[in-house]
N, C-alpha and C. Protein backbone atom coordinates (compact mmCIF):
# COMPACT_ATOMS: atom_id res chain seq x y z
N MET A 1 13.44 21.91 -6.17
CA MET A 1 14.75 22.47 -5.96
C MET A 1 15.21 22.14 -4.54
N ALA A 2 16.42 21.69 -4.45
CA ALA A 2 16.98 21.32 -3.15
C ALA A 2 17.38 22.57 -2.37
N THR A 3 17.29 22.47 -1.06
CA THR A 3 17.71 23.58 -0.22
C THR A 3 19.23 23.57 -0.11
N PHE A 4 19.75 24.67 0.40
CA PHE A 4 21.19 24.78 0.55
C PHE A 4 21.75 23.72 1.49
N SER A 5 21.08 23.49 2.59
CA SER A 5 21.58 22.51 3.56
C SER A 5 21.55 21.10 2.98
N GLU A 6 20.57 20.80 2.13
CA GLU A 6 20.53 19.48 1.49
C GLU A 6 21.70 19.31 0.52
N MET A 7 22.05 20.38 -0.18
CA MET A 7 23.16 20.27 -1.13
C MET A 7 24.51 20.22 -0.42
N MET A 8 24.59 20.87 0.73
CA MET A 8 25.87 20.94 1.42
C MET A 8 26.09 19.77 2.38
N GLN A 9 25.18 18.82 2.43
CA GLN A 9 25.37 17.70 3.35
C GLN A 9 26.54 16.81 2.94
N PHE A 10 26.94 16.87 1.68
CA PHE A 10 28.07 16.08 1.22
C PHE A 10 29.39 16.82 1.35
N ALA A 11 29.36 18.07 1.79
CA ALA A 11 30.57 18.87 1.92
C ALA A 11 31.27 18.57 3.23
N ASP A 12 32.57 18.46 3.15
CA ASP A 12 33.35 18.32 4.38
C ASP A 12 33.93 19.69 4.74
N GLY A 13 34.81 19.72 5.71
CA GLY A 13 35.37 20.99 6.18
C GLY A 13 36.14 21.74 5.11
N LYS A 14 36.89 21.02 4.30
CA LYS A 14 37.67 21.68 3.24
C LYS A 14 36.74 22.29 2.19
N ASP A 15 35.69 21.56 1.83
CA ASP A 15 34.73 22.09 0.85
C ASP A 15 34.06 23.35 1.37
N ARG A 16 33.67 23.33 2.61
CA ARG A 16 33.03 24.51 3.21
C ARG A 16 33.99 25.68 3.27
N CYS A 17 35.23 25.41 3.60
CA CYS A 17 36.25 26.46 3.66
C CYS A 17 36.45 27.07 2.27
N ILE A 18 36.52 26.23 1.25
CA ILE A 18 36.67 26.73 -0.12
C ILE A 18 35.46 27.57 -0.51
N MET A 19 34.27 27.09 -0.19
CA MET A 19 33.05 27.82 -0.54
C MET A 19 32.97 29.15 0.21
N TYR A 20 33.29 29.16 1.50
CA TYR A 20 33.24 30.40 2.26
C TYR A 20 34.28 31.40 1.77
N THR A 21 35.44 30.92 1.38
CA THR A 21 36.47 31.81 0.83
C THR A 21 35.99 32.40 -0.50
N GLY A 22 35.34 31.59 -1.31
CA GLY A 22 34.78 32.10 -2.56
C GLY A 22 33.73 33.17 -2.29
N TRP A 23 32.92 32.96 -1.27
CA TRP A 23 31.91 33.95 -0.91
C TRP A 23 32.55 35.23 -0.38
N LEU A 24 33.66 35.09 0.32
CA LEU A 24 34.38 36.27 0.80
C LEU A 24 34.86 37.11 -0.38
N PHE A 25 35.43 36.44 -1.39
CA PHE A 25 35.87 37.16 -2.58
C PHE A 25 34.68 37.77 -3.32
N ALA A 26 33.54 37.11 -3.31
CA ALA A 26 32.34 37.66 -3.94
C ALA A 26 31.89 38.94 -3.22
N SER A 27 31.94 38.92 -1.91
CA SER A 27 31.54 40.11 -1.16
C SER A 27 32.53 41.25 -1.37
N LEU A 28 33.83 40.93 -1.47
CA LEU A 28 34.81 41.97 -1.76
C LEU A 28 34.58 42.57 -3.14
N SER A 29 34.31 41.72 -4.09
CA SER A 29 34.03 42.20 -5.44
C SER A 29 32.79 43.09 -5.46
N GLY A 30 31.77 42.69 -4.74
CA GLY A 30 30.56 43.49 -4.66
C GLY A 30 30.76 44.80 -3.91
N ALA A 31 31.68 44.81 -2.96
CA ALA A 31 31.94 46.04 -2.20
C ALA A 31 32.76 47.04 -3.01
N ILE A 32 33.54 46.56 -3.95
CA ILE A 32 34.37 47.45 -4.77
C ILE A 32 33.52 48.19 -5.81
N LEU A 33 32.49 47.56 -6.32
CA LEU A 33 31.69 48.16 -7.39
C LEU A 33 31.12 49.55 -7.08
N PRO A 34 30.56 49.79 -5.90
CA PRO A 34 30.03 51.14 -5.63
C PRO A 34 31.11 52.22 -5.59
N CYS A 35 32.35 51.84 -5.41
CA CYS A 35 33.44 52.84 -5.36
C CYS A 35 33.58 53.58 -6.68
N PHE A 36 33.16 52.98 -7.78
CA PHE A 36 33.22 53.66 -9.07
C PHE A 36 32.34 54.91 -9.08
N ILE A 37 31.21 54.84 -8.43
CA ILE A 37 30.30 56.00 -8.38
C ILE A 37 30.96 57.15 -7.64
N PHE A 38 31.67 56.84 -6.55
CA PHE A 38 32.33 57.89 -5.78
C PHE A 38 33.50 58.50 -6.54
N MET A 39 34.06 57.76 -7.48
CA MET A 39 35.19 58.28 -8.26
C MET A 39 34.73 59.23 -9.37
N LEU A 40 33.48 59.13 -9.78
CA LEU A 40 33.00 59.99 -10.87
C LEU A 40 32.77 61.43 -10.42
N GLY A 41 32.49 61.65 -9.15
CA GLY A 41 32.26 63.00 -8.64
C GLY A 41 33.42 63.94 -8.88
N PRO A 42 34.66 63.57 -8.48
CA PRO A 42 35.79 64.46 -8.72
C PRO A 42 36.05 64.72 -10.22
N VAL A 43 35.74 63.76 -11.06
CA VAL A 43 35.94 63.96 -12.49
C VAL A 43 35.00 65.05 -12.99
N PHE A 44 33.73 64.98 -12.61
CA PHE A 44 32.76 65.98 -13.06
C PHE A 44 33.05 67.35 -12.44
N ASP A 45 33.53 67.35 -11.20
CA ASP A 45 33.86 68.62 -10.55
C ASP A 45 35.03 69.31 -11.23
N SER A 46 35.93 68.57 -11.81
CA SER A 46 37.12 69.16 -12.42
C SER A 46 36.82 69.86 -13.74
N PHE A 47 35.64 69.64 -14.32
CA PHE A 47 35.29 70.27 -15.59
C PHE A 47 34.52 71.58 -15.42
N GLY A 48 34.60 72.19 -14.27
CA GLY A 48 33.89 73.44 -14.02
C GLY A 48 34.50 74.60 -14.78
N PRO A 49 33.78 75.70 -14.86
CA PRO A 49 34.32 76.87 -15.57
C PRO A 49 35.46 77.50 -14.79
N GLY A 50 36.44 77.97 -15.49
CA GLY A 50 37.58 78.64 -14.88
C GLY A 50 38.65 77.71 -14.35
N ASN A 51 38.51 76.40 -14.53
CA ASN A 51 39.54 75.47 -14.08
C ASN A 51 40.66 75.40 -15.11
N ASP A 52 41.84 75.24 -14.62
CA ASP A 52 43.01 75.13 -15.50
C ASP A 52 42.97 73.77 -16.21
N PRO A 53 43.14 73.74 -17.53
CA PRO A 53 43.10 72.46 -18.25
C PRO A 53 44.16 71.46 -17.78
N LYS A 54 45.33 71.96 -17.38
CA LYS A 54 46.38 71.05 -16.89
C LYS A 54 45.96 70.39 -15.58
N GLU A 55 45.37 71.18 -14.67
CA GLU A 55 44.90 70.61 -13.41
C GLU A 55 43.76 69.62 -13.65
N THR A 56 42.88 69.95 -14.59
CA THR A 56 41.78 69.06 -14.92
C THR A 56 42.31 67.73 -15.45
N ARG A 57 43.28 67.82 -16.35
CA ARG A 57 43.86 66.60 -16.92
C ARG A 57 44.56 65.77 -15.85
N ASP A 58 45.28 66.43 -14.96
CA ASP A 58 45.97 65.70 -13.89
C ASP A 58 44.97 65.03 -12.94
N GLN A 59 43.89 65.74 -12.62
CA GLN A 59 42.90 65.15 -11.72
C GLN A 59 42.18 63.98 -12.38
N VAL A 60 41.84 64.12 -13.65
CA VAL A 60 41.18 63.03 -14.36
C VAL A 60 42.12 61.84 -14.48
N ARG A 61 43.40 62.10 -14.70
CA ARG A 61 44.38 61.01 -14.80
C ARG A 61 44.49 60.25 -13.48
N ILE A 62 44.48 60.97 -12.37
CA ILE A 62 44.57 60.32 -11.06
C ILE A 62 43.33 59.46 -10.81
N VAL A 63 42.16 60.03 -11.10
CA VAL A 63 40.92 59.29 -10.88
C VAL A 63 40.85 58.07 -11.80
N CYS A 64 41.30 58.21 -13.04
CA CYS A 64 41.31 57.07 -13.95
C CYS A 64 42.27 55.99 -13.48
N SER A 65 43.39 56.38 -12.89
CA SER A 65 44.32 55.39 -12.33
C SER A 65 43.67 54.64 -11.17
N ILE A 66 42.97 55.38 -10.33
CA ILE A 66 42.28 54.74 -9.21
C ILE A 66 41.21 53.79 -9.73
N MET A 67 40.45 54.23 -10.74
CA MET A 67 39.41 53.37 -11.30
C MET A 67 40.02 52.14 -11.97
N GLY A 68 41.18 52.29 -12.59
CA GLY A 68 41.86 51.12 -13.16
C GLY A 68 42.28 50.14 -12.09
N GLY A 69 42.75 50.67 -10.96
CA GLY A 69 43.09 49.79 -9.83
C GLY A 69 41.87 49.08 -9.28
N LEU A 70 40.75 49.79 -9.21
CA LEU A 70 39.51 49.16 -8.75
C LEU A 70 39.07 48.07 -9.73
N ALA A 71 39.19 48.35 -11.02
CA ALA A 71 38.81 47.34 -12.03
C ALA A 71 39.70 46.11 -11.92
N LEU A 72 40.98 46.32 -11.68
CA LEU A 72 41.90 45.19 -11.48
C LEU A 72 41.51 44.41 -10.23
N GLY A 73 41.12 45.12 -9.17
CA GLY A 73 40.67 44.44 -7.95
C GLY A 73 39.42 43.62 -8.19
N ILE A 74 38.48 44.14 -8.98
CA ILE A 74 37.27 43.38 -9.30
C ILE A 74 37.61 42.16 -10.13
N ALA A 75 38.54 42.33 -11.08
CA ALA A 75 38.93 41.18 -11.92
C ALA A 75 39.55 40.07 -11.07
N ILE A 76 40.41 40.45 -10.15
CA ILE A 76 41.09 39.45 -9.31
C ILE A 76 40.10 38.77 -8.36
N THR A 77 39.29 39.58 -7.66
CA THR A 77 38.34 38.98 -6.72
C THR A 77 37.27 38.17 -7.46
N GLY A 78 36.87 38.63 -8.64
CA GLY A 78 35.89 37.87 -9.42
C GLY A 78 36.44 36.54 -9.89
N PHE A 79 37.73 36.54 -10.27
CA PHE A 79 38.36 35.28 -10.67
C PHE A 79 38.38 34.28 -9.53
N PHE A 80 38.80 34.73 -8.36
CA PHE A 80 38.87 33.83 -7.21
C PHE A 80 37.48 33.40 -6.76
N GLN A 81 36.52 34.31 -6.82
CA GLN A 81 35.15 33.93 -6.48
C GLN A 81 34.67 32.80 -7.37
N TYR A 82 34.82 32.98 -8.66
CA TYR A 82 34.32 31.99 -9.61
C TYR A 82 35.07 30.67 -9.47
N SER A 83 36.39 30.72 -9.43
CA SER A 83 37.17 29.47 -9.40
C SER A 83 36.96 28.70 -8.10
N LEU A 84 36.86 29.39 -6.99
CA LEU A 84 36.69 28.69 -5.71
C LEU A 84 35.29 28.09 -5.58
N THR A 85 34.27 28.81 -5.99
CA THR A 85 32.93 28.25 -5.88
C THR A 85 32.73 27.10 -6.87
N ILE A 86 33.32 27.19 -8.04
CA ILE A 86 33.21 26.09 -9.00
C ILE A 86 33.98 24.87 -8.49
N GLU A 87 35.15 25.09 -7.90
CA GLU A 87 35.90 23.94 -7.36
C GLU A 87 35.14 23.28 -6.23
N ALA A 88 34.56 24.06 -5.35
CA ALA A 88 33.79 23.48 -4.25
C ALA A 88 32.58 22.71 -4.77
N SER A 89 31.90 23.27 -5.76
CA SER A 89 30.74 22.56 -6.29
C SER A 89 31.15 21.29 -7.01
N ALA A 90 32.31 21.29 -7.67
CA ALA A 90 32.79 20.07 -8.34
C ALA A 90 33.15 19.00 -7.31
N ARG A 91 33.77 19.41 -6.22
CA ARG A 91 34.13 18.45 -5.17
C ARG A 91 32.88 17.86 -4.52
N ILE A 92 31.89 18.72 -4.24
CA ILE A 92 30.66 18.24 -3.63
C ILE A 92 29.91 17.32 -4.58
N THR A 93 29.90 17.67 -5.86
CA THR A 93 29.23 16.85 -6.86
C THR A 93 29.90 15.49 -7.00
N ALA A 94 31.22 15.45 -6.94
CA ALA A 94 31.92 14.17 -7.02
C ALA A 94 31.55 13.27 -5.85
N LYS A 95 31.42 13.84 -4.68
CA LYS A 95 31.00 13.05 -3.52
C LYS A 95 29.57 12.57 -3.67
N PHE A 96 28.72 13.46 -4.18
CA PHE A 96 27.33 13.07 -4.40
C PHE A 96 27.24 11.95 -5.45
N LYS A 97 28.03 12.08 -6.50
CA LYS A 97 28.02 11.06 -7.56
C LYS A 97 28.46 9.71 -7.01
N SER A 98 29.46 9.72 -6.16
CA SER A 98 29.94 8.48 -5.55
C SER A 98 28.85 7.84 -4.68
N GLN A 99 28.18 8.65 -3.88
CA GLN A 99 27.11 8.13 -3.03
C GLN A 99 25.93 7.64 -3.86
N TYR A 100 25.63 8.34 -4.93
CA TYR A 100 24.53 7.95 -5.81
C TYR A 100 24.84 6.62 -6.48
N LEU A 101 26.08 6.45 -6.93
CA LEU A 101 26.48 5.18 -7.56
C LEU A 101 26.44 4.04 -6.55
N ARG A 102 26.88 4.30 -5.32
CA ARG A 102 26.80 3.27 -4.29
C ARG A 102 25.36 2.86 -4.01
N ALA A 103 24.46 3.83 -4.02
CA ALA A 103 23.04 3.52 -3.79
C ALA A 103 22.48 2.68 -4.93
N ILE A 104 22.90 2.96 -6.15
CA ILE A 104 22.44 2.16 -7.29
C ILE A 104 22.98 0.74 -7.19
N LEU A 105 24.23 0.60 -6.82
CA LEU A 105 24.84 -0.72 -6.76
C LEU A 105 24.32 -1.55 -5.59
N ARG A 106 23.71 -0.93 -4.60
CA ARG A 106 23.14 -1.67 -3.47
C ARG A 106 21.74 -2.22 -3.76
N GLN A 107 21.20 -1.89 -4.90
CA GLN A 107 19.86 -2.36 -5.24
C GLN A 107 19.86 -3.87 -5.49
N GLU A 108 18.70 -4.45 -5.31
CA GLU A 108 18.56 -5.87 -5.61
C GLU A 108 18.66 -6.09 -7.11
N SER A 109 19.01 -7.28 -7.50
CA SER A 109 19.19 -7.56 -8.92
C SER A 109 17.88 -7.44 -9.70
N SER A 110 16.76 -7.67 -9.06
CA SER A 110 15.48 -7.54 -9.76
C SER A 110 15.18 -6.09 -10.13
N TRP A 111 15.74 -5.14 -9.39
CA TRP A 111 15.56 -3.72 -9.70
C TRP A 111 16.15 -3.39 -11.06
N PHE A 112 17.28 -3.99 -11.39
CA PHE A 112 17.94 -3.74 -12.67
C PHE A 112 17.14 -4.31 -13.84
N ASP A 113 16.25 -5.28 -13.59
CA ASP A 113 15.39 -5.79 -14.64
C ASP A 113 14.35 -4.76 -15.05
N LEU A 114 13.96 -3.92 -14.09
CA LEU A 114 12.95 -2.91 -14.37
C LEU A 114 13.54 -1.64 -14.98
N ILE A 115 14.81 -1.41 -14.75
CA ILE A 115 15.47 -0.19 -15.20
C ILE A 115 16.37 -0.52 -16.39
N ASN A 116 16.37 0.36 -17.37
CA ASN A 116 17.26 0.20 -18.52
C ASN A 116 18.68 0.53 -18.06
N TYR A 117 19.56 -0.44 -18.07
CA TYR A 117 20.92 -0.24 -17.55
C TYR A 117 21.71 0.72 -18.42
N ASN A 118 21.38 0.85 -19.70
CA ASN A 118 22.08 1.82 -20.54
C ASN A 118 21.74 3.25 -20.14
N GLU A 119 20.60 3.40 -19.54
CA GLU A 119 20.15 4.72 -19.14
C GLU A 119 20.77 5.16 -17.81
N LEU A 120 21.26 4.24 -17.03
CA LEU A 120 21.75 4.58 -15.69
C LEU A 120 22.95 5.53 -15.72
N SER A 121 23.92 5.26 -16.57
CA SER A 121 25.10 6.13 -16.59
C SER A 121 24.75 7.52 -17.10
N ALA A 122 23.89 7.61 -18.11
CA ALA A 122 23.47 8.92 -18.61
C ALA A 122 22.67 9.67 -17.54
N ARG A 123 21.82 8.94 -16.85
CA ARG A 123 21.01 9.56 -15.80
C ARG A 123 21.88 10.03 -14.64
N LEU A 124 22.87 9.23 -14.28
CA LEU A 124 23.79 9.60 -13.20
C LEU A 124 24.53 10.88 -13.57
N THR A 125 25.05 10.94 -14.77
CA THR A 125 25.78 12.12 -15.21
C THR A 125 24.87 13.34 -15.30
N LYS A 126 23.70 13.18 -15.85
CA LYS A 126 22.76 14.29 -16.02
C LYS A 126 22.33 14.87 -14.68
N GLU A 127 21.99 14.02 -13.74
CA GLU A 127 21.51 14.50 -12.45
C GLU A 127 22.61 15.15 -11.63
N THR A 128 23.80 14.57 -11.65
CA THR A 128 24.89 15.19 -10.89
C THR A 128 25.35 16.49 -11.54
N LEU A 129 25.28 16.58 -12.85
CA LEU A 129 25.63 17.83 -13.52
C LEU A 129 24.64 18.93 -13.18
N SER A 130 23.38 18.58 -13.12
CA SER A 130 22.38 19.60 -12.75
C SER A 130 22.56 20.06 -11.31
N ILE A 131 22.95 19.16 -10.42
CA ILE A 131 23.21 19.54 -9.03
C ILE A 131 24.45 20.42 -8.96
N SER A 132 25.49 20.08 -9.71
CA SER A 132 26.70 20.88 -9.71
C SER A 132 26.42 22.29 -10.21
N ARG A 133 25.63 22.40 -11.26
CA ARG A 133 25.28 23.72 -11.77
C ARG A 133 24.46 24.50 -10.77
N ALA A 134 23.58 23.82 -10.09
CA ALA A 134 22.74 24.50 -9.09
C ALA A 134 23.58 25.05 -7.95
N ILE A 135 24.55 24.28 -7.51
CA ILE A 135 25.43 24.76 -6.43
C ILE A 135 26.30 25.89 -6.94
N GLY A 136 26.89 25.72 -8.11
CA GLY A 136 27.80 26.72 -8.64
C GLY A 136 27.13 28.02 -9.01
N GLU A 137 25.93 27.96 -9.58
CA GLU A 137 25.27 29.18 -10.04
C GLU A 137 24.47 29.86 -8.95
N LYS A 138 23.75 29.08 -8.17
CA LYS A 138 22.87 29.68 -7.18
C LYS A 138 23.64 30.29 -6.02
N TYR A 139 24.74 29.68 -5.65
CA TYR A 139 25.43 30.12 -4.45
C TYR A 139 26.78 30.74 -4.72
N SER A 140 27.03 31.17 -5.95
CA SER A 140 28.30 31.88 -6.22
C SER A 140 28.07 33.35 -6.30
C-alpha cells in the first residue's frame, strides 16, 4: 500500500486545495453528528410527569426542527465532502495515468516483445483505478 505522500506527489496546488476543502467538509459533517445526542435530552425531559401536553408537543416540535436542520447540514457537508474528494482523486489519477503511459512509451522496443501489448491497456486502467479508489476511500 502506498503512503499518502507517495499518492499525493502527482497533486498540484489546485488538487491539494480541493482535497483539503473536502476534508474540511468531512470534519464539519463529523462535528455535527454529536449534536444529535445533545438534542435528545430536552425531548426526554419534556415527557416528565405533570408537564402540559401542549408545551411538550411544542418543545418536541422545536427540537425536531433543529434536528432536521442538523440532518440537512450533514447531507450538504457530506455531499461536498464526497464530491470534492472524488474529484481530487480523479484529477490525481489522471495525472498518474499520464505519467504511467509516458513511462511505458519510453521503454525500448525489445521490452514490448516480452510484454503482451494487449494486456498493457487493461493493466494501465486496472492499476490507476485501484489507486484512484485508494485515494478516494482511504482519505475521504
